[in-house]
C-alpha atoms as a PDB file:
ATOM      1  CA  MET A   1      -4.853 -23.796 -37.801  1.00  0.00           C
ATOM      2  CA  LEU A   2      -8.008 -23.522 -35.656  1.00  0.00           C
ATOM      3  CA  PHE A   3      -5.892 -23.635 -32.479  1.00  0.00           C
ATOM      4  CA  TYR A   4      -3.809 -20.689 -33.703  1.00  0.00           C
ATOM      5  CA  VAL A   5      -6.920 -18.688 -34.594  1.00  0.00           C
ATOM      6  CA  VAL A   6      -8.498 -19.295 -31.177  1.00  0.00           C
ATOM      7  CA  VAL A   7      -5.328 -18.451 -29.244  1.00  0.00           C
ATOM      8  CA  SER A   8      -4.551 -15.372 -31.336  1.00  0.00           C
ATOM      9  CA  HIS A   9      -8.085 -13.998 -30.843  1.00  0.00           C
ATOM     10  CA  THR A  10      -8.077 -14.543 -27.093  1.00  0.00           C
ATOM     11  CA  PRO A  11      -8.372 -11.190 -25.291  1.00  0.00           C
ATOM     12  CA  LEU A  12      -5.292 -10.023 -23.407  1.00  0.00           C
ATOM     13  CA  TRP A  13      -7.162  -9.993 -20.068  1.00  0.00           C
ATOM     14  CA  VAL A  14      -7.623 -13.783 -20.329  1.00  0.00           C
ATOM     15  CA  TRP A  15      -3.856 -14.307 -20.525  1.00  0.00           C
ATOM     16  CA  VAL A  16      -3.312 -11.895 -17.622  1.00  0.00           C
ATOM     17  CA  LEU A  17      -5.893 -13.841 -15.600  1.00  0.00           C
ATOM     18  CA  PHE A  18      -4.206 -17.131 -16.555  1.00  0.00           C
ATOM     19  CA  ALA A  19      -0.780 -15.810 -15.487  1.00  0.00           C
ATOM     20  CA  PHE A  20      -2.218 -14.632 -12.162  1.00  0.00           C
ATOM     21  CA  LEU A  21      -4.015 -17.932 -11.496  1.00  0.00           C
ATOM     22  CA  LEU A  22      -0.986 -19.980 -12.530  1.00  0.00           C
ATOM     23  CA  SER A  23       1.224 -17.946 -10.189  1.00  0.00           C
ATOM     24  CA  ARG A  24      -1.212 -18.568  -7.302  1.00  0.00           C
ATOM     25  CA  GLY A  25      -1.235 -22.306  -8.066  1.00  0.00           C
ATOM     26  CA  LEU A  26       2.570 -22.484  -8.180  1.00  0.00           C
ATOM     27  CA  VAL A  27       2.871 -20.569  -4.894  1.00  0.00           C
ATOM     28  CA  ALA A  28       0.414 -23.042  -3.327  1.00  0.00           C
ATOM     29  CA  LEU A  29       2.845 -25.907  -3.942  1.00  0.00           C
ATOM     30  CA  ARG A  30       4.927 -24.788  -0.942  1.00  0.00           C
ATOM     31  CA  PRO A  31       3.908 -24.113   2.673  1.00  0.00           C
ATOM     32  CA  ARG A  32       3.231 -20.413   3.143  1.00  0.00           C
ATOM     33  CA  GLU A  33       1.693 -17.785   5.355  1.00  0.00           C
ATOM     34  CA  VAL A  34      -1.525 -16.396   3.882  1.00  0.00           C
ATOM     35  CA  ALA A  35      -3.658 -13.481   5.030  1.00  0.00           C
ATOM     36  CA  PRO A  36      -7.401 -14.201   4.749  1.00  0.00           C
ATOM     37  CA  SER A  37      -7.870 -11.468   2.153  1.00  0.00           C
ATOM     38  CA  ARG A  38      -5.183 -13.006  -0.085  1.00  0.00           C
ATOM     39  CA  ALA A  39      -6.666 -16.478   0.325  1.00  0.00           C
ATOM     40  CA  LEU A  40      -9.892 -15.107  -1.179  1.00  0.00           C
ATOM     41  CA  LEU A  41      -8.283 -13.806  -4.407  1.00  0.00           C
ATOM     42  CA  VAL A  42      -8.675 -17.018  -6.442  1.00  0.00           C
ATOM     43  CA  PRO A  43     -12.265 -17.704  -5.294  1.00  0.00           C
ATOM     44  CA  ILE A  44     -13.201 -14.094  -6.127  1.00  0.00           C
ATOM     45  CA  ALA A  45     -11.525 -14.361  -9.553  1.00  0.00           C
ATOM     46  CA  PHE A  46     -13.468 -17.527 -10.432  1.00  0.00           C
ATOM     47  CA  LEU A  47     -16.741 -16.104  -9.106  1.00  0.00           C
ATOM     48  CA  LEU A  48     -16.373 -12.946 -11.194  1.00  0.00           C
ATOM     49  CA  TRP A  49     -15.250 -14.887 -14.270  1.00  0.00           C
ATOM     50  CA  GLY A  50     -18.204 -17.252 -13.896  1.00  0.00           C
ATOM     51  CA  LEU A  51     -20.673 -14.387 -13.546  1.00  0.00           C
ATOM     52  CA  ASP A  52     -19.044 -12.587 -16.479  1.00  0.00           C
ATOM     53  CA  GLY A  53     -19.875 -15.599 -18.627  1.00  0.00           C
ATOM     54  CA  LEU A  54     -23.560 -14.981 -17.933  1.00  0.00           C
ATOM     55  CA  VAL A  55     -23.487 -11.452 -19.333  1.00  0.00           C
ATOM     56  CA  GLY A  56     -25.286 -11.361 -22.650  1.00  0.00           C
ATOM     57  CA  SER A  57     -26.637 -14.888 -22.248  1.00  0.00           C
ATOM     58  CA  ARG A  58     -29.798 -15.463 -24.280  1.00  0.00           C
ATOM     59  CA  GLY A  59     -31.095 -17.909 -21.719  1.00  0.00           C
ATOM     60  CA  LEU A  60     -30.060 -15.861 -18.690  1.00  0.00           C
ATOM     61  CA  GLY A  61     -32.691 -17.335 -16.355  1.00  0.00           C
ATOM     62  CA  LEU A  62     -31.707 -20.927 -17.099  1.00  0.00           C
ATOM     63  CA  ASP A  63     -27.975 -20.176 -17.167  1.00  0.00           C
ATOM     64  CA  LEU A  64     -28.171 -18.296 -13.856  1.00  0.00           C
ATOM     65  CA  ALA A  65     -30.054 -21.220 -12.286  1.00  0.00           C
ATOM     66  CA  LEU A  66     -27.396 -23.616 -13.607  1.00  0.00           C
ATOM     67  CA  PHE A  67     -24.644 -21.364 -12.256  1.00  0.00           C
ATOM     68  CA  VAL A  68     -26.266 -21.326  -8.793  1.00  0.00           C
ATOM     69  CA  ALA A  69     -26.797 -25.108  -8.865  1.00  0.00           C
ATOM     70  CA  GLY A  70     -23.179 -25.600  -9.918  1.00  0.00           C
ATOM     71  CA  PHE A  71     -22.033 -23.216  -7.180  1.00  0.00           C
ATOM     72  CA  ALA A  72     -23.956 -25.185  -4.533  1.00  0.00           C
ATOM     73  CA  ALA A  73     -22.481 -28.480  -5.757  1.00  0.00           C
ATOM     74  CA  GLY A  74     -19.048 -26.845  -5.912  1.00  0.00           C
ATOM     75  CA  LEU A  75     -19.293 -25.697  -2.291  1.00  0.00           C
ATOM     76  CA  ALA A  76     -19.804 -29.318  -1.233  1.00  0.00           C
ATOM     77  CA  ALA A  77     -16.988 -30.508  -3.508  1.00  0.00           C
ATOM     78  CA  GLY A  78     -14.663 -27.793  -2.196  1.00  0.00           C
ATOM     79  CA  ARG A  79     -15.370 -28.825   1.355  1.00  0.00           C
ATOM     80  CA  ALA A  80     -14.494 -32.418   0.473  1.00  0.00           C
ATOM     81  CA  LEU A  81     -11.315 -31.287  -1.332  1.00  0.00           C
ATOM     82  CA  ALA A  82     -10.217 -29.306   1.739  1.00  0.00           C
ATOM     83  CA  ALA A  83     -10.363 -32.507   3.760  1.00  0.00           C
ATOM     84  CA  LEU A  84      -7.721 -34.064   1.468  1.00  0.00           C
ATOM     85  CA  THR A  85      -4.994 -31.753   2.761  1.00  0.00           C
ATOM     86  CA  PRO A  86      -3.690 -31.146   6.282  1.00  0.00           C
ATOM     87  CA  ALA A  87      -5.495 -28.387   8.179  1.00  0.00           C
ATOM     88  CA  PRO A  88      -3.895 -24.954   8.042  1.00  0.00           C
ATOM     89  CA  ARG A  89      -2.875 -23.379  11.349  1.00  0.00           C
ATOM     90  CA  LEU A  90      -3.221 -19.825  12.543  1.00  0.00           C
ATOM     91  CA  THR A  91      -0.111 -17.734  13.050  1.00  0.00           C
ATOM     92  CA  PRO A  92       0.628 -16.936  16.717  1.00  0.00           C
ATOM     93  CA  GLU A  93      -0.962 -13.483  16.428  1.00  0.00           C
ATOM     94  CA  GLY A  94      -3.973 -14.990  14.646  1.00  0.00           C
ATOM     95  CA  ALA A  95      -3.886 -12.583  11.708  1.00  0.00           C
ATOM     96  CA  SER A  96      -3.139 -15.171   9.005  1.00  0.00           C
ATOM     97  CA  MET A  97      -2.817 -18.892   8.342  1.00  0.00           C
ATOM     98  CA  ILE A  98       0.113 -21.199   7.701  1.00  0.00           C
ATOM     99  CA  VAL A  99      -1.134 -23.286   4.786  1.00  0.00           C
ATOM    100  CA  PRO A 100       0.664 -26.547   3.907  1.00  0.00           C
ATOM    101  CA  GLY A 101       1.845 -26.900   0.322  1.00  0.00           C
ATOM    102  CA  SER A 102      -0.255 -29.004  -2.017  1.00  0.00           C
ATOM    103  CA  PRO A 103      -0.593 -29.605  -5.767  1.00  0.00           C
ATOM    104  CA  LEU A 104      -4.386 -29.573  -5.367  1.00  0.00           C
ATOM    105  CA  SER A 105      -4.788 -25.829  -5.956  1.00  0.00           C
ATOM    106  CA  LEU A 106      -2.640 -25.871  -9.083  1.00  0.00           C
ATOM    107  CA  ALA A 107      -4.489 -28.886 -10.497  1.00  0.00           C
ATOM    108  CA  LEU A 108      -7.893 -27.362  -9.783  1.00  0.00           C
ATOM    109  CA  ILE A 109      -6.857 -24.026 -11.292  1.00  0.00           C
ATOM    110  CA  LEU A 110      -5.556 -25.669 -14.475  1.00  0.00           C
ATOM    111  CA  VAL A 111      -8.659 -27.838 -14.941  1.00  0.00           C
ATOM    112  CA  ALA A 112     -11.030 -24.945 -14.197  1.00  0.00           C
ATOM    113  CA  PHE A 113      -9.216 -22.551 -16.530  1.00  0.00           C
ATOM    114  CA  SER A 114      -9.093 -25.144 -19.324  1.00  0.00           C
ATOM    115  CA  VAL A 115     -12.807 -25.919 -19.091  1.00  0.00           C
ATOM    116  CA  LYS A 116     -13.756 -22.225 -19.009  1.00  0.00           C
ATOM    117  CA  TYR A 117     -11.378 -21.395 -21.876  1.00  0.00           C
ATOM    118  CA  VAL A 118     -12.608 -24.232 -24.111  1.00  0.00           C
ATOM    119  CA  GLY A 119     -16.223 -23.296 -23.337  1.00  0.00           C
ATOM    120  CA  ALA A 120     -15.631 -19.647 -24.223  1.00  0.00           C
ATOM    121  CA  ALA A 121     -13.784 -20.608 -27.420  1.00  0.00           C
ATOM    122  CA  ALA A 122     -16.605 -22.951 -28.423  1.00  0.00           C
ATOM    123  CA  LEU A 123     -19.144 -20.175 -27.850  1.00  0.00           C
ATOM    124  CA  ALA A 124     -17.116 -17.894 -30.125  1.00  0.00           C
ATOM    125  CA  ILE A 125     -16.839 -20.506 -32.886  1.00  0.00           C
ATOM    126  CA  VAL A 126     -20.258 -22.197 -32.976  1.00  0.00           C
ATOM    127  CA  ALA A 127     -22.880 -20.456 -35.093  1.00  0.00           C
ATOM    128  CA  ASP A 128     -25.853 -22.821 -34.566  1.00  0.00           C
ATOM    129  CA  PRO A 129     -28.125 -21.126 -31.958  1.00  0.00           C
ATOM    130  CA  ALA A 130     -29.299 -24.435 -30.452  1.00  0.00           C
ATOM    131  CA  VAL A 131     -25.760 -25.717 -29.955  1.00  0.00           C
ATOM    132  CA  HIS A 132     -24.672 -22.273 -28.744  1.00  0.00           C
ATOM    133  CA  ALA A 133     -27.381 -22.363 -26.043  1.00  0.00           C
ATOM    134  CA  GLU A 134     -26.272 -25.818 -24.911  1.00  0.00           C
ATOM    135  CA  ILE A 135     -22.640 -24.749 -24.681  1.00  0.00           C
ATOM    136  CA  ALA A 136     -23.623 -21.585 -22.786  1.00  0.00           C
ATOM    137  CA  SER A 137     -25.629 -23.641 -20.294  1.00  0.00           C
ATOM    138  CA  ALA A 138     -22.808 -26.156 -19.788  1.00  0.00           C
ATOM    139  CA  THR A 139     -20.329 -23.297 -19.348  1.00  0.00           C
ATOM    140  CA  ALA A 140     -22.614 -21.621 -16.779  1.00  0.00           C
ATOM    141  CA  LEU A 141     -22.882 -24.861 -14.809  1.00  0.00           C
ATOM    142  CA  ALA A 142     -19.102 -25.424 -14.960  1.00  0.00           C
ATOM    143  CA  GLY A 143     -18.439 -21.800 -13.973  1.00  0.00           C
ATOM    144  CA  GLY A 144     -20.640 -22.178 -10.908  1.00  0.00           C
ATOM    145  CA  LEU A 145     -19.090 -25.533 -10.032  1.00  0.00           C
ATOM    146  CA  PHE A 146     -15.527 -24.214 -10.109  1.00  0.00           C
ATOM    147  CA  ALA A 147     -16.367 -20.960  -8.317  1.00  0.00           C
ATOM    148  CA  GLY A 148     -18.171 -22.950  -5.634  1.00  0.00           C
ATOM    149  CA  ALA A 149     -15.295 -25.407  -5.308  1.00  0.00           C
ATOM    150  CA  PHE A 150     -12.785 -22.621  -4.686  1.00  0.00           C
ATOM    151  CA  TRP A 151     -15.112 -20.890  -2.200  1.00  0.00           C
ATOM    152  CA  GLY A 152     -15.954 -24.145  -0.416  1.00  0.00           C
ATOM    153  CA  ARG A 153     -12.317 -25.159  -0.110  1.00  0.00           C
ATOM    154  CA  THR A 154     -11.162 -21.735   1.093  1.00  0.00           C
ATOM    155  CA  LEU A 155     -13.950 -21.256   3.634  1.00  0.00           C
ATOM    156  CA  THR A 156     -13.394 -24.787   4.938  1.00  0.00           C
ATOM    157  CA  GLN A 157      -9.678 -24.053   5.327  1.00  0.00           C
ATOM    158  CA  PHE A 158     -10.588 -20.974   7.382  1.00  0.00           C
ATOM    159  CA  ARG A 159     -12.932 -23.018   9.555  1.00  0.00           C
ATOM    160  CA  ARG A 160     -10.396 -25.818  10.066  1.00  0.00           C
ATOM    161  CA  ALA A 161      -7.636 -23.371  11.074  1.00  0.00           C
ATOM    162  CA  LEU A 162      -9.928 -21.540  13.506  1.00  0.00           C
ATOM    163  CA  ASP A 163     -11.216 -24.785  14.983  1.00  0.00           C
ATOM    164  CA  ALA A 164      -7.676 -26.147  15.444  1.00  0.00           C
ATOM    165  CA  ALA A 165      -6.764 -22.924  17.280  1.00  0.00           C
ATOM    166  CA  GLY A 166      -9.693 -23.442  19.654  1.00  0.00           C
ATOM    167  CA  LEU A 167     -11.541 -20.366  18.415  1.00  0.00           C
ATOM    168  CA  GLY A 168     -14.551 -22.257  17.104  1.00  0.00           C
ATOM    169  CA  ALA A 169     -15.485 -22.778  13.500  1.00  0.00           C
ATOM    170  CA  GLY A 170     -18.801 -20.933  13.385  1.00  0.00           C
ATOM    171  CA  TRP A 171     -19.538 -18.497  10.591  1.00  0.00           C
ATOM    172  CA  PRO A 172     -19.365 -15.401  12.864  1.00  0.00           C
ATOM    173  CA  THR A 173     -15.778 -16.378  13.771  1.00  0.00           C
ATOM    174  CA  VAL A 174     -14.895 -16.936  10.105  1.00  0.00           C
ATOM    175  CA  VAL A 175     -16.313 -13.517   9.163  1.00  0.00           C
ATOM    176  CA  ARG A 176     -14.384 -11.838  12.015  1.00  0.00           C
ATOM    177  CA  PHE A 177     -11.198 -13.608  10.890  1.00  0.00           C
ATOM    178  CA  VAL A 178     -11.600 -12.500   7.277  1.00  0.00           C
ATOM    179  CA  CYS A 179     -12.612  -8.927   8.151  1.00  0.00           C
ATOM    180  CA  ALA A 180     -10.092  -8.317  10.971  1.00  0.00           C
ATOM    181  CA  PRO A 181      -7.434  -5.709  10.199  1.00  0.00           C
ATOM    182  CA  PRO A 182      -4.183  -7.515   9.271  1.00  0.00           C
ATOM    183  CA  ALA A 183      -2.178  -6.047  12.158  1.00  0.00           C
ATOM    184  CA  ARG A 184      -4.698  -7.137  14.800  1.00  0.00           C
ATOM    185  CA  GLY A 185      -5.979 -10.589  13.848  1.00  0.00           C
ATOM    186  CA  LEU A 186      -8.233 -12.523  16.190  1.00  0.00           C
ATOM    187  CA  GLY A 187      -5.817 -12.570  19.102  1.00  0.00           C
ATOM    188  CA  ALA A 188      -5.765  -8.799  19.640  1.00  0.00           C
ATOM    189  CA  PRO A 189      -8.407  -6.823  21.562  1.00  0.00           C
END
């Protein structure tokens, strides 16, 4: 009965977000060509969802600090996760990457969504202020961890693809790659 109540009171935007994230995870199972801007969609979604969880927090200072700490740890974890898959390669024109298929993205998306969903449901159900604060803090930490993991993995994939193409893996090159107009890429003047 409780499961039905939680699911039936879940806002529609959460299911839309889940469908979007699930579709991105399923697409990631196969090798594909990805523009840098599209590769950033999932990290941006988790960053915004994590920050959204801080809105209205009674312990905003603590929860924000936990989010940042989780984000920093997630960046390191994401970098390590990126090393578990073959390096992406740049397309010949250098405007996008060929990313090998992997179940890693789907697994990470499903775990991250489940943890965030259960945390949000627990916050909606629990009435005890002390327990509510603990759940909010744990959810803030988890939100930062997952957002950081997606950012760390994606940025490391960019760096690995650029390095393999002999363009260097420094941050200025990564920023140029991400910000380059799609038609031009890094190979065009």
